[in-house]
Amino acid sequence: MISVLVVDDSAVVRKVLTEELSKYNDIQVVGTAIDPYAAREKIVRLKPDVITLDIEMPRMDGLSFLAKLMKHHPMPVVVVSSLTPKNSETAFKALELGAVEVICKPGSQYSTNAVPRDLARAIRGAAVSSPKRIKETAEATAAAEPAPAIDLKTTNKVLAIGASTGGTKAIEAVLRQLPASAPGTVIVQHMPEHFTATFAQRLNTSCQMEVREAHDNDSVVPGLALIAPGNRHMILYRSGACYRVRIKDGPPVHHQRPSVDVLFHSVARQGGRNALGVILTGMGADGAAGLLAMRNNGAYTISQDERTSVVFGMPKEAIALGAAADVLPIQQIPKAIVNYLTLQEQAAAT
């Protein structure tokens, strides 16, 4: 049983979250708190496994509380916020401070009927996450040297990356170490609608590649990384000699939209041996079967290892299927990608 403390200044939200989470047999709301001061006392007394945290609260805002919590009493935190485009920047700061995941608040303008299910999934992921690994990944990413200036010939190559819980920092750790000549890259990170654009903008300021949220029919070209928009699937297709992406609706796969499996299966079909696939930290099995399809079609595939994964769910499932040619710590994945492409380039030249 996962014990949860709900922290929100709204009595209505506290009541709704408590009622909705109580519908799940593996989750128990052990208490609620109106603000961080009440939360601090209840964390000590109730010892919850996970807390849900609002960002906008009186007396002390959620970000200030989160920073103090992660410094003095690290524990899994799921931020439940009104994720308007304006608030997405604040929500991303929460992830940087150590929150495991960000979920849209029920009843907000951008919420959906799936919010209670998404929150339950996020709480399960948080319960098995490692705050220590979140901190280690953030520190390693911040300390990483700029990517080497290598002129890779990658016109016909495509790199596909999939991640979920803990993936924002893991993706940044990979992209920051790739050169501007890296192959066209397509990325699925499980996150709410209106948040992926902010994620892409932030990555674009720290990576040598251009990073942006994908639009329908965008070309996949060297030096460009495209992130699937929240609540939309992304697939790869060929248009003549070029790769493009299709952004579309459709039912969730593994309870996710966008789904890593949807992307990876399309890359397996369209990219074949010209593709590279990387599956990173995350809860569940999304992406495992797709990565296997990529490997079976000749792609080079990598899974993040258990030691550096915030949640060793998706990578574990991929490894169990035999989908990963290599299992590597996050710090070694960019180098493995560059080395593979360099060897491919040398082989083609002989």
Foldseek 3Di string as FASTA:
>chain_A
DFEEEEEALDPVLVVVLQVLQVVDPVYHHPYYHNHLVRVVVCCVVVVGQEYEAEQDHPPDGRLVSLLVCCVPPDHEYEYEYQDDLVCLVVVVSSLLSQHQAYAYRPPHPQDDPCRSVVVNLSSVQRSQFDSVLSVVLSVCLVPDDAADADQFDQFLAEEEEEEEGSVLSLVLLQQRHAALQAWQYEYEYFHAASNVQVSQVVSCVRGNARGGEDDAFAWRGGSYYYYDGHQWAKEWADDVSTITIGTHHDDADQNGVHFLLRHLQRCLVHRQLRYEYEYAADAAATNQVSLQSNVVSNHAYEYEAPVNHRHCHNSVSNVVVVSHPYYYHSNCVNVVSVVVSVVVVVVVVD
